[in-house]
Amino acid sequence: MATALVTGASYGIGADIARALAARGHDLVLIARSGEALGRLAARLEAEHGVKAHALPADLTVEADLERVAEAAHGADILVNNAGAGLSRSFERTTWAQEQHMLALNVVAPARLLHAALPSMLQRGKGRILNVSSVAAAGPVWQGTTYGASKAFSLALTESLAHSRRLRRSPVALTALVLGHTVSRFHEVAGIAPSPRLLTLPSSYVAQRAVRAIHRRRPPIAYVPSLRYKLLAGLVRHLPRPLVALPALADDFTALPFPETGPYARAPRSGGGDDEYGVLSPEPGGDRQRQR
């Protein structure tokens, strides 16, 4: 029976992807910082689907934890790089520690796990890798922040490897899940206004579509889970940059006011995103980050 390793699995999209994989009979290794939430999910999936589900609590921004997860990724038949974070304040208003934390989760951790899993998959002659990216990767729609740039790395890395001769000739496939707004508890927990209904997709719907996509004989390299977002992603990726940067398509985080009371002042509320419920603990007096 194939084993799937899912990061950011305790809530939201990650938990729904784990459910969709369990429904297909896959054993699971579930990764997130919240050991209690992971344990509950693992027990529920085992009871409902008769699979083995192992909870492996880890903070992927901590090198020792990341290496433990990388060791587990060596044996995975499916790797889902879902864990990620975003900051709801503009680049010049963040601390460097906050930026490092986000980049460690969005760039370093998925690259490390992919680097651990891919050689083993190629050697075994089977495997699927799903990297969760964002419509924000296609253009400057999260203006003034490094979030879009970090998600662009995920998309570009997936495309770079997937188009290589070695991968094209192997049964191993990489897919970038290009997400838009999803229904999740993140907005409620972080105090962020809900996304527009027209641009909102249920997390379970996105997860099921993504899992179905990576089980195709020839999985897509970039997968957008709905027609409306296929259109939006296409526009963002191919329209001239001045048009992409229009307020109707973009959020400018440098235009949002917030109390200037020091380096850890509360961040402004932002528009919705491609995230889930998990919210990174704020530093004392600080703002919330969002973790997928």
C-alpha atoms as a PDB file:
ATOM      1  CA  MET A   1       0.000   0.000   0.000  1.00  0.00           C
ATOM      2  CA  ALA A   2       1.362   3.434  -0.978  1.00  0.00           C
ATOM      3  CA  THR A   3       2.344   5.875   1.755  1.00  0.00           C
ATOM      4  CA  ALA A   4       1.672   9.611   1.483  1.00  0.00           C
ATOM      5  CA  LEU A   5       3.482  12.255   3.538  1.00  0.00           C
ATOM      6  CA  VAL A   6       1.464  15.458   3.973  1.00  0.00           C
ATOM      7  CA  THR A   7       2.863  18.603   5.580  1.00  0.00           C
ATOM      8  CA  GLY A   8       0.623  21.192   7.212  1.00  0.00           C
ATOM      9  CA  ALA A   9      -1.868  18.381   7.758  1.00  0.00           C
ATOM     10  CA  SER A  10      -3.544  19.390  11.004  1.00  0.00           C
ATOM     11  CA  TYR A  11      -6.205  21.708   9.536  1.00  0.00           C
ATOM     12  CA  GLY A  12      -7.724  23.087   6.363  1.00  0.00           C
ATOM     13  CA  ILE A  13      -6.431  22.076   2.944  1.00  0.00           C
ATOM     14  CA  GLY A  14      -3.739  19.809   4.371  1.00  0.00           C
ATOM     15  CA  ALA A  15      -6.238  17.851   6.479  1.00  0.00           C
ATOM     16  CA  ASP A  16      -8.648  17.604   3.535  1.00  0.00           C
ATOM     17  CA  ILE A  17      -5.875  16.315   1.264  1.00  0.00           C
ATOM     18  CA  ALA A  18      -5.045  13.722   3.914  1.00  0.00           C
ATOM     19  CA  ARG A  19      -8.713  12.664   4.017  1.00  0.00           C
ATOM     20  CA  ALA A  20      -8.874  12.375   0.238  1.00  0.00           C
ATOM     21  CA  LEU A  21      -5.707  10.263   0.189  1.00  0.00           C
ATOM     22  CA  ALA A  22      -6.992   8.027   2.996  1.00  0.00           C
ATOM     23  CA  ALA A  23     -10.238   7.513   1.085  1.00  0.00           C
ATOM     24  CA  ARG A  24      -8.106   6.075  -1.729  1.00  0.00           C
ATOM     25  CA  GLY A  25      -6.485   3.634   0.679  1.00  0.00           C
ATOM     26  CA  HIS A  26      -3.133   5.362   1.212  1.00  0.00           C
ATOM     27  CA  ASP A  27      -1.278   5.062   4.483  1.00  0.00           C
ATOM     28  CA  LEU A  28      -0.285   8.469   5.833  1.00  0.00           C
ATOM     29  CA  VAL A  29       2.495  10.317   7.604  1.00  0.00           C
ATOM     30  CA  LEU A  30       0.974  13.571   8.866  1.00  0.00           C
ATOM     31  CA  ILE A  31       3.207  16.568   9.587  1.00  0.00           C
ATOM     32  CA  ALA A  32       2.364  19.770  11.478  1.00  0.00           C
ATOM     33  CA  ARG A  33       3.385  21.598  14.616  1.00  0.00           C
ATOM     34  CA  SER A  34       0.204  20.668  16.484  1.00  0.00           C
ATOM     35  CA  GLY A  35       0.712  17.145  17.805  1.00  0.00           C
ATOM     36  CA  GLU A  36      -2.700  17.020  19.462  1.00  0.00           C
ATOM     37  CA  ALA A  37      -4.605  17.962  16.301  1.00  0.00           C
ATOM     38  CA  LEU A  38      -2.497  15.554  14.237  1.00  0.00           C
ATOM     39  CA  GLY A  39      -3.181  12.721  16.652  1.00  0.00           C
ATOM     40  CA  ARG A  40      -6.939  13.272  16.482  1.00  0.00           C
ATOM     41  CA  LEU A  41      -6.880  13.369  12.681  1.00  0.00           C
ATOM     42  CA  ALA A  42      -4.701  10.247  12.437  1.00  0.00           C
ATOM     43  CA  ALA A  43      -7.018   8.287  14.739  1.00  0.00           C
ATOM     44  CA  ARG A  44     -10.095   9.399  12.817  1.00  0.00           C
ATOM     45  CA  LEU A  45      -8.624   8.461   9.430  1.00  0.00           C
ATOM     46  CA  GLU A  46      -7.556   5.054  10.679  1.00  0.00           C
ATOM     47  CA  ALA A  47     -11.037   4.380  12.061  1.00  0.00           C
ATOM     48  CA  GLU A  48     -12.898   5.659   8.985  1.00  0.00           C
ATOM     49  CA  HIS A  49     -10.716   4.267   6.207  1.00  0.00           C
ATOM     50  CA  GLY A  50      -8.778   1.363   7.701  1.00  0.00           C
ATOM     51  CA  VAL A  51      -5.402   2.888   6.792  1.00  0.00           C
ATOM     52  CA  LYS A  52      -2.316   3.443   8.916  1.00  0.00           C
ATOM     53  CA  ALA A  53      -1.864   7.100   9.830  1.00  0.00           C
ATOM     54  CA  HIS A  54       1.233   8.217  11.725  1.00  0.00           C
ATOM     55  CA  ALA A  55       1.298  11.660  13.348  1.00  0.00           C
ATOM     56  CA  LEU A  56       4.757  13.234  13.231  1.00  0.00           C
ATOM     57  CA  PRO A  57       4.713  16.633  14.988  1.00  0.00           C
ATOM     58  CA  ALA A  58       7.432  18.902  13.603  1.00  0.00           C
ATOM     59  CA  ASP A  59       8.235  22.553  13.045  1.00  0.00           C
ATOM     60  CA  LEU A  60       9.621  22.702   9.514  1.00  0.00           C
ATOM     61  CA  THR A  61      11.440  25.961  10.270  1.00  0.00           C
ATOM     62  CA  VAL A  62      13.629  24.116  12.798  1.00  0.00           C
ATOM     63  CA  GLU A  63      16.490  22.297  11.070  1.00  0.00           C
ATOM     64  CA  ALA A  64      16.456  19.244  13.316  1.00  0.00           C
ATOM     65  CA  ASP A  65      12.705  18.790  12.809  1.00  0.00           C
ATOM     66  CA  LEU A  66      13.039  19.336   9.065  1.00  0.00           C
ATOM     67  CA  GLU A  67      15.694  16.629   8.850  1.00  0.00           C
ATOM     68  CA  ARG A  68      13.456  14.189  10.745  1.00  0.00           C
ATOM     69  CA  VAL A  69      10.700  14.802   8.230  1.00  0.00           C
ATOM     70  CA  ALA A  70      13.177  14.538   5.330  1.00  0.00           C
ATOM     71  CA  GLU A  71      14.153  11.105   6.608  1.00  0.00           C
ATOM     72  CA  ALA A  72      10.498  10.073   6.561  1.00  0.00           C
ATOM     73  CA  ALA A  73      10.114  11.520   3.048  1.00  0.00           C
ATOM     74  CA  HIS A  74      12.702   9.050   1.713  1.00  0.00           C
ATOM     75  CA  GLY A  75      10.123   6.275   1.984  1.00  0.00           C
ATOM     76  CA  ALA A  76       7.071   8.202   0.793  1.00  0.00           C
ATOM     77  CA  ASP A  77       5.327   7.242  -2.445  1.00  0.00           C
ATOM     78  CA  ILE A  78       3.436  10.551  -2.417  1.00  0.00           C
ATOM     79  CA  LEU A  79       4.803  13.816  -1.029  1.00  0.00           C
ATOM     80  CA  VAL A  80       2.457  16.755  -0.451  1.00  0.00           C
ATOM     81  CA  ASN A  81       4.317  19.993   0.300  1.00  0.00           C
ATOM     82  CA  ASN A  82       1.380  21.906   1.730  1.00  0.00           C
ATOM     83  CA  ALA A  83       2.818  23.702   4.780  1.00  0.00           C
ATOM     84  CA  GLY A  84       3.318  27.407   4.161  1.00  0.00           C
ATOM     85  CA  ALA A  85       2.943  30.863   5.661  1.00  0.00           C
ATOM     86  CA  GLY A  86       2.130  34.423   4.692  1.00  0.00           C
ATOM     87  CA  LEU A  87       2.553  37.789   6.397  1.00  0.00           C
ATOM     88  CA  SER A  88      -0.316  40.283   6.298  1.00  0.00           C
ATOM     89  CA  ARG A  89       1.929  43.339   6.353  1.00  0.00           C
ATOM     90  CA  SER A  90       4.194  44.870   3.751  1.00  0.00           C
ATOM     91  CA  PHE A  91       7.867  43.997   3.402  1.00  0.00           C
ATOM     92  CA  GLU A  92       9.238  47.210   4.860  1.00  0.00           C
ATOM     93  CA  ARG A  93       7.062  46.763   7.969  1.00  0.00           C
ATOM     94  CA  THR A  94       8.036  43.200   8.827  1.00  0.00           C
ATOM     95  CA  THR A  95      10.988  42.137  10.923  1.00  0.00           C
ATOM     96  CA  TRP A  96      13.712  40.115   9.273  1.00  0.00           C
ATOM     97  CA  ALA A  97      12.971  37.253  11.676  1.00  0.00           C
ATOM     98  CA  GLN A  98       9.397  37.116  10.351  1.00  0.00           C
ATOM     99  CA  GLU A  99      10.627  37.101   6.754  1.00  0.00           C
ATOM    100  CA  GLN A 100      13.128  34.334   7.507  1.00  0.00           C
ATOM    101  CA  HIS A 101      10.392  32.272   9.152  1.00  0.00           C
ATOM    102  CA  MET A 102       8.093  32.573   6.157  1.00  0.00           C
ATOM    103  CA  LEU A 103      10.829  31.833   3.620  1.00  0.00           C
ATOM    104  CA  ALA A 104      11.993  28.839   5.639  1.00  0.00           C
ATOM    105  CA  LEU A 105       8.484  27.397   5.486  1.00  0.00           C
ATOM    106  CA  ASN A 106       7.584  28.385   1.910  1.00  0.00           C
ATOM    107  CA  VAL A 107      10.924  27.869   0.154  1.00  0.00           C
ATOM    108  CA  VAL A 108      13.499  25.926   2.172  1.00  0.00           C
ATOM    109  CA  ALA A 109      11.266  23.218   3.676  1.00  0.00           C
ATOM    110  CA  PRO A 110       9.492  22.110   0.475  1.00  0.00           C
ATOM    111  CA  ALA A 111      12.775  22.140  -1.464  1.00  0.00           C
ATOM    112  CA  ARG A 112      14.460  20.034   1.240  1.00  0.00           C
ATOM    113  CA  LEU A 113      11.650  17.470   1.334  1.00  0.00           C
ATOM    114  CA  LEU A 114      11.512  17.272  -2.446  1.00  0.00           C
ATOM    115  CA  HIS A 115      15.296  16.779  -2.477  1.00  0.00           C
ATOM    116  CA  ALA A 116      14.881  13.934   0.005  1.00  0.00           C
ATOM    117  CA  ALA A 117      11.949  12.210  -1.687  1.00  0.00           C
ATOM    118  CA  LEU A 118      12.696  12.550  -5.402  1.00  0.00           C
ATOM    119  CA  PRO A 119      15.851  10.369  -5.696  1.00  0.00           C
ATOM    120  CA  SER A 120      14.138   7.530  -3.823  1.00  0.00           C
ATOM    121  CA  MET A 121      11.051   7.780  -6.018  1.00  0.00           C
ATOM    122  CA  LEU A 122      13.176   7.709  -9.171  1.00  0.00           C
ATOM    123  CA  GLN A 123      15.061   4.684  -7.879  1.00  0.00           C
ATOM    124  CA  ARG A 124      11.805   2.825  -7.115  1.00  0.00           C
ATOM    125  CA  GLY A 125      10.274   3.902 -10.412  1.00  0.00           C
ATOM    126  CA  LYS A 126       7.126   5.429  -8.932  1.00  0.00           C
ATOM    127  CA  GLY A 127       6.002   8.497  -7.053  1.00  0.00           C
ATOM    128  CA  ARG A 128       3.919  11.636  -7.013  1.00  0.00           C
ATOM    129  CA  ILE A 129       4.829  15.059  -5.606  1.00  0.00           C
ATOM    130  CA  LEU A 130       2.274  17.818  -5.045  1.00  0.00           C
ATOM    131  CA  ASN A 131       3.633  21.288  -4.281  1.00  0.00           C
ATOM    132  CA  VAL A 132       0.989  23.735  -3.105  1.00  0.00           C
ATOM    133  CA  SER A 133       1.525  27.064  -4.835  1.00  0.00           C
ATOM    134  CA  SER A 134      -0.761  30.048  -5.424  1.00  0.00           C
ATOM    135  CA  VAL A 135      -2.269  32.311  -8.042  1.00  0.00           C
ATOM    136  CA  ALA A 136      -0.057  34.914  -6.342  1.00  0.00           C
ATOM    137  CA  ALA A 137       2.906  33.084  -7.887  1.00  0.00           C
ATOM    138  CA  ALA A 138       1.817  34.136 -11.362  1.00  0.00           C
ATOM    139  CA  GLY A 139       2.066  37.896 -10.897  1.00  0.00           C
ATOM    140  CA  PRO A 140       2.215  40.820  -8.429  1.00  0.00           C
ATOM    141  CA  VAL A 141      -1.238  40.385  -6.934  1.00  0.00           C
ATOM    142  CA  TRP A 142       0.092  40.440  -3.341  1.00  0.00           C
ATOM    143  CA  GLN A 143       1.959  43.702  -3.779  1.00  0.00           C
ATOM    144  CA  GLY A 144       4.580  44.825  -1.313  1.00  0.00           C
ATOM    145  CA  THR A 145       5.117  41.364   0.203  1.00  0.00           C
ATOM    146  CA  THR A 146       7.440  38.398  -0.355  1.00  0.00           C
ATOM    147  CA  TYR A 147       4.558  35.894  -0.258  1.00  0.00           C
ATOM    148  CA  GLY A 148       3.991  35.801  -4.024  1.00  0.00           C
ATOM    149  CA  ALA A 149       7.723  35.510  -4.655  1.00  0.00           C
ATOM    150  CA  SER A 150       7.981  32.550  -2.287  1.00  0.00           C
ATOM    151  CA  LYS A 151       5.063  30.808  -4.004  1.00  0.00           C
ATOM    152  CA  ALA A 152       6.608  31.584  -7.400  1.00  0.00           C
ATOM    153  CA  PHE A 153       9.616  29.539  -6.274  1.00  0.00           C
ATOM    154  CA  SER A 154       7.366  26.536  -5.666  1.00  0.00           C
ATOM    155  CA  LEU A 155       5.746  26.836  -9.083  1.00  0.00           C
ATOM    156  CA  ALA A 156       9.038  27.451 -10.903  1.00  0.00           C
ATOM    157  CA  LEU A 157      10.790  24.562  -9.133  1.00  0.00           C
ATOM    158  CA  THR A 158       7.960  22.191 -10.015  1.00  0.00           C
ATOM    159  CA  GLU A 159       8.033  23.246 -13.665  1.00  0.00           C
ATOM    160  CA  SER A 160      11.817  23.129 -13.877  1.00  0.00           C
ATOM    161  CA  LEU A 161      12.026  19.565 -12.588  1.00  0.00           C
ATOM    162  CA  ALA A 162       8.900  18.256 -14.308  1.00  0.00           C
ATOM    163  CA  HIS A 163      10.066  19.394 -17.738  1.00  0.00           C
ATOM    164  CA  SER A 164      13.526  17.857 -17.325  1.00  0.00           C
ATOM    165  CA  ARG A 165      14.415  14.837 -19.471  1.00  0.00           C
ATOM    166  CA  ARG A 166      14.905  12.593 -16.441  1.00  0.00           C
ATOM    167  CA  LEU A 167      11.437  13.275 -15.059  1.00  0.00           C
ATOM    168  CA  ARG A 168       9.693  13.221 -18.434  1.00  0.00           C
ATOM    169  CA  ARG A 169      11.048   9.720 -19.041  1.00  0.00           C
ATOM    170  CA  SER A 170      10.159   8.386 -15.598  1.00  0.00           C
ATOM    171  CA  PRO A 171       6.883   7.307 -13.927  1.00  0.00           C
ATOM    172  CA  VAL A 172       7.494   9.948 -11.235  1.00  0.00           C
ATOM    173  CA  ALA A 173       5.420  13.125 -11.628  1.00  0.00           C
ATOM    174  CA  LEU A 174       5.446  16.577 -10.056  1.00  0.00           C
ATOM    175  CA  THR A 175       2.415  18.847  -9.876  1.00  0.00           C
ATOM    176  CA  ALA A 176       2.035  22.402  -8.583  1.00  0.00           C
ATOM    177  CA  LEU A 177      -1.414  23.068  -7.137  1.00  0.00           C
ATOM    178  CA  VAL A 178      -2.148  26.684  -8.079  1.00  0.00           C
ATOM    179  CA  LEU A 179      -4.625  27.870  -5.480  1.00  0.00           C
ATOM    180  CA  GLY A 180      -6.848  30.864  -5.038  1.00  0.00           C
ATOM    181  CA  HIS A 181      -9.209  31.718  -2.175  1.00  0.00           C
ATOM    182  CA  THR A 182     -10.492  28.744  -0.184  1.00  0.00           C
ATOM    183  CA  VAL A 183     -13.104  28.378   2.523  1.00  0.00           C
ATOM    184  CA  SER A 184     -11.261  27.813   5.791  1.00  0.00           C
ATOM    185  CA  ARG A 185     -11.201  28.772   9.456  1.00  0.00           C
ATOM    186  CA  PHE A 186      -8.141  30.914   8.890  1.00  0.00           C
ATOM    187  CA  HIS A 187     -10.169  34.069   8.278  1.00  0.00           C
ATOM    188  CA  GLU A 188     -12.161  33.551  11.471  1.00  0.00           C
ATOM    189  CA  VAL A 189      -9.098  32.874  13.618  1.00  0.00           C
ATOM    190  CA  ALA A 190      -6.975  35.651  12.161  1.00  0.00           C
ATOM    191  CA  GLY A 191      -9.798  38.195  12.137  1.00  0.00           C
ATOM    192  CA  ILE A 192      -9.699  38.606   8.357  1.00  0.00           C
ATOM    193  CA  ALA A 193     -12.797  39.421   6.337  1.00  0.00           C
ATOM    194  CA  PRO A 194     -14.077  36.497   4.216  1.00  0.00           C
ATOM    195  CA  SER A 195     -13.062  36.344   0.578  1.00  0.00           C
ATOM    196  CA  PRO A 196     -15.640  37.230  -2.108  1.00  0.00           C
ATOM    197  CA  ARG A 197     -18.017  34.287  -2.601  1.00  0.00           C
ATOM    198  CA  LEU A 198     -17.434  34.257  -6.356  1.00  0.00           C
ATOM    199  CA  LEU A 199     -13.702  33.698  -5.779  1.00  0.00           C
ATOM    200  CA  THR A 200     -14.021  31.213  -2.930  1.00  0.00           C
ATOM    201  CA  LEU A 201     -13.669  27.439  -3.234  1.00  0.00           C
ATOM    202  CA  PRO A 202     -14.404  24.853  -0.517  1.00  0.00           C
ATOM    203  CA  SER A 203     -11.229  23.343   0.908  1.00  0.00           C
ATOM    204  CA  SER A 204     -12.578  19.792   0.562  1.00  0.00           C
ATOM    205  CA  TYR A 205     -13.408  20.389  -3.106  1.00  0.00           C
ATOM    206  CA  VAL A 206      -9.888  21.674  -3.819  1.00  0.00           C
ATOM    207  CA  ALA A 207      -8.317  18.730  -1.979  1.00  0.00           C
ATOM    208  CA  GLN A 208     -10.366  16.094  -3.780  1.00  0.00           C
ATOM    209  CA  ARG A 209      -9.668  17.618  -7.182  1.00  0.00           C
ATOM    210  CA  ALA A 210      -5.940  17.865  -6.447  1.00  0.00           C
ATOM    211  CA  VAL A 211      -5.698  14.258  -5.248  1.00  0.00           C
ATOM    212  CA  ARG A 212      -7.618  13.091  -8.295  1.00  0.00           C
ATOM    213  CA  ALA A 213      -5.229  15.060 -10.536  1.00  0.00           C
ATOM    214  CA  ILE A 214      -2.045  13.485  -9.149  1.00  0.00           C
ATOM    215  CA  HIS A 215      -3.530  10.011  -9.600  1.00  0.00           C
ATOM    216  CA  ARG A 216      -3.905  10.484 -13.344  1.00  0.00           C
ATOM    217  CA  ARG A 217      -1.617   8.424 -15.550  1.00  0.00           C
ATOM    218  CA  ARG A 218      -0.074  11.702 -16.693  1.00  0.00           C
ATOM    219  CA  PRO A 219      -0.640  14.269 -13.923  1.00  0.00           C
ATOM    220  CA  PRO A 220      -0.618  17.938 -14.945  1.00  0.00           C
ATOM    221  CA  ILE A 221       2.495  19.932 -14.126  1.00  0.00           C
ATOM    222  CA  ALA A 222       0.435  22.925 -13.000  1.00  0.00           C
ATOM    223  CA  TYR A 223      -3.076  22.219 -11.766  1.00  0.00           C
ATOM    224  CA  VAL A 224      -5.702  24.903 -11.172  1.00  0.00           C
ATOM    225  CA  PRO A 225      -8.772  23.358  -9.488  1.00  0.00           C
ATOM    226  CA  SER A 226     -11.586  25.393 -11.046  1.00  0.00           C
ATOM    227  CA  LEU A 227     -12.516  27.087 -14.301  1.00  0.00           C
ATOM    228  CA  ARG A 228     -12.761  30.527 -12.705  1.00  0.00           C
ATOM    229  CA  TYR A 229      -9.230  30.240 -11.343  1.00  0.00           C
ATOM    230  CA  LYS A 230      -7.900  28.795 -14.586  1.00  0.00           C
ATOM    231  CA  LEU A 231      -9.112  32.009 -16.185  1.00  0.00           C
ATOM    232  CA  LEU A 232      -7.755  34.216 -13.395  1.00  0.00           C
ATOM    233  CA  ALA A 233      -4.386  32.438 -13.292  1.00  0.00           C
ATOM    234  CA  GLY A 234      -4.114  32.736 -17.055  1.00  0.00           C
ATOM    235  CA  LEU A 235      -4.860  36.442 -16.929  1.00  0.00           C
ATOM    236  CA  VAL A 236      -2.402  37.065 -14.105  1.00  0.00           C
ATOM    237  CA  ARG A 237       0.314  35.090 -15.849  1.00  0.00           C
ATOM    238  CA  HIS A 238      -0.065  36.524 -19.346  1.00  0.00           C
ATOM    239  CA  LEU A 239      -1.546  40.006 -19.042  1.00  0.00           C
ATOM    240  CA  PRO A 240       0.869  42.961 -19.185  1.00  0.00           C
ATOM    241  CA  ARG A 241       2.128  43.703 -15.688  1.00  0.00           C
ATOM    242  CA  PRO A 242       0.498  47.178 -15.506  1.00  0.00           C
ATOM    243  CA  LEU A 243      -2.905  45.522 -15.951  1.00  0.00           C
ATOM    244  CA  VAL A 244      -2.177  42.761 -13.419  1.00  0.00           C
ATOM    245  CA  ALA A 245      -1.276  45.432 -10.868  1.00  0.00           C
ATOM    246  CA  LEU A 246      -4.683  47.133 -11.057  1.00  0.00           C
ATOM    247  CA  PRO A 247      -6.576  47.286  -7.723  1.00  0.00           C
ATOM    248  CA  ALA A 248      -9.347  45.053  -9.082  1.00  0.00           C
ATOM    249  CA  LEU A 249      -6.870  42.168  -9.317  1.00  0.00           C
ATOM    250  CA  ALA A 250      -4.281  43.043  -6.690  1.00  0.00           C
ATOM    251  CA  ASP A 251      -3.969  43.817  -2.984  1.00  0.00           C
ATOM    252  CA  ASP A 252      -1.388  46.492  -2.163  1.00  0.00           C
ATOM    253  CA  PHE A 253      -0.237  45.802   1.381  1.00  0.00           C
ATOM    254  CA  THR A 254       1.787  49.010   1.513  1.00  0.00           C
ATOM    255  CA  ALA A 255      -1.484  50.978   1.286  1.00  0.00           C
ATOM    256  CA  LEU A 256      -2.994  49.407   4.412  1.00  0.00           C
ATOM    257  CA  PRO A 257      -2.663  51.529   7.563  1.00  0.00           C
ATOM    258  CA  PHE A 258      -1.707  50.072  10.895  1.00  0.00           C
ATOM    259  CA  PRO A 259      -0.592  51.521  14.257  1.00  0.00           C
ATOM    260  CA  GLU A 260       3.061  52.529  14.015  1.00  0.00           C
ATOM    261  CA  THR A 261       3.962  51.573  17.585  1.00  0.00           C
ATOM    262  CA  GLY A 262       7.144  49.633  17.004  1.00  0.00           C
ATOM    263  CA  PRO A 263       8.547  46.711  15.029  1.00  0.00           C
ATOM    264  CA  TYR A 264       5.889  44.310  16.317  1.00  0.00           C
ATOM    265  CA  ALA A 265       2.835  46.504  15.834  1.00  0.00           C
ATOM    266  CA  ARG A 266      -0.389  44.712  15.008  1.00  0.00           C
ATOM    267  CA  ALA A 267      -0.638  44.043  11.256  1.00  0.00           C
ATOM    268  CA  PRO A 268      -3.614  45.272   9.249  1.00  0.00           C
ATOM    269  CA  ARG A 269      -6.318  42.963   8.091  1.00  0.00           C
ATOM    270  CA  SER A 270      -5.819  41.728   4.574  1.00  0.00           C
ATOM    271  CA  GLY A 271      -7.863  40.189   1.840  1.00  0.00           C
ATOM    272  CA  GLY A 272      -8.274  36.420   1.742  1.00  0.00           C
ATOM    273  CA  GLY A 273      -5.682  34.041   0.474  1.00  0.00           C
ATOM    274  CA  ASP A 274      -4.962  30.480  -0.531  1.00  0.00           C
ATOM    275  CA  ASP A 275      -4.440  29.439   3.048  1.00  0.00           C
ATOM    276  CA  GLU A 276      -6.069  27.305   5.702  1.00  0.00           C
ATOM    277  CA  TYR A 277      -6.886  27.658   9.358  1.00  0.00           C
ATOM    278  CA  GLY A 278      -3.434  27.266  10.919  1.00  0.00           C
ATOM    279  CA  VAL A 279      -2.122  30.558  12.326  1.00  0.00           C
ATOM    280  CA  LEU A 280       1.455  30.830  13.508  1.00  0.00           C
ATOM    281  CA  SER A 281       1.819  32.105  17.047  1.00  0.00           C
ATOM    282  CA  PRO A 282       2.475  35.842  17.091  1.00  0.00           C
ATOM    283  CA  GLU A 283       5.522  37.204  18.800  1.00  0.00           C
ATOM    284  CA  PRO A 284       4.783  39.172  21.973  1.00  0.00           C
ATOM    285  CA  GLY A 285       2.653  42.110  20.925  1.00  0.00           C
ATOM    286  CA  GLY A 286       3.004  41.013  17.335  1.00  0.00           C
ATOM    287  CA  ASP A 287       0.863  40.161  14.363  1.00  0.00           C
ATOM    288  CA  ARG A 288      -0.432  36.821  13.203  1.00  0.00           C
ATOM    289  CA  GLN A 289       1.097  34.878  10.396  1.00  0.00           C
ATOM    290  CA  ARG A 290      -0.778  32.201   8.540  1.00  0.00           C
ATOM    291  CA  GLN A 291       0.512  28.682   8.163  1.00  0.00           C
ATOM    292  CA  ARG A 292      -0.704  26.107   5.724  1.00  0.00           C
END
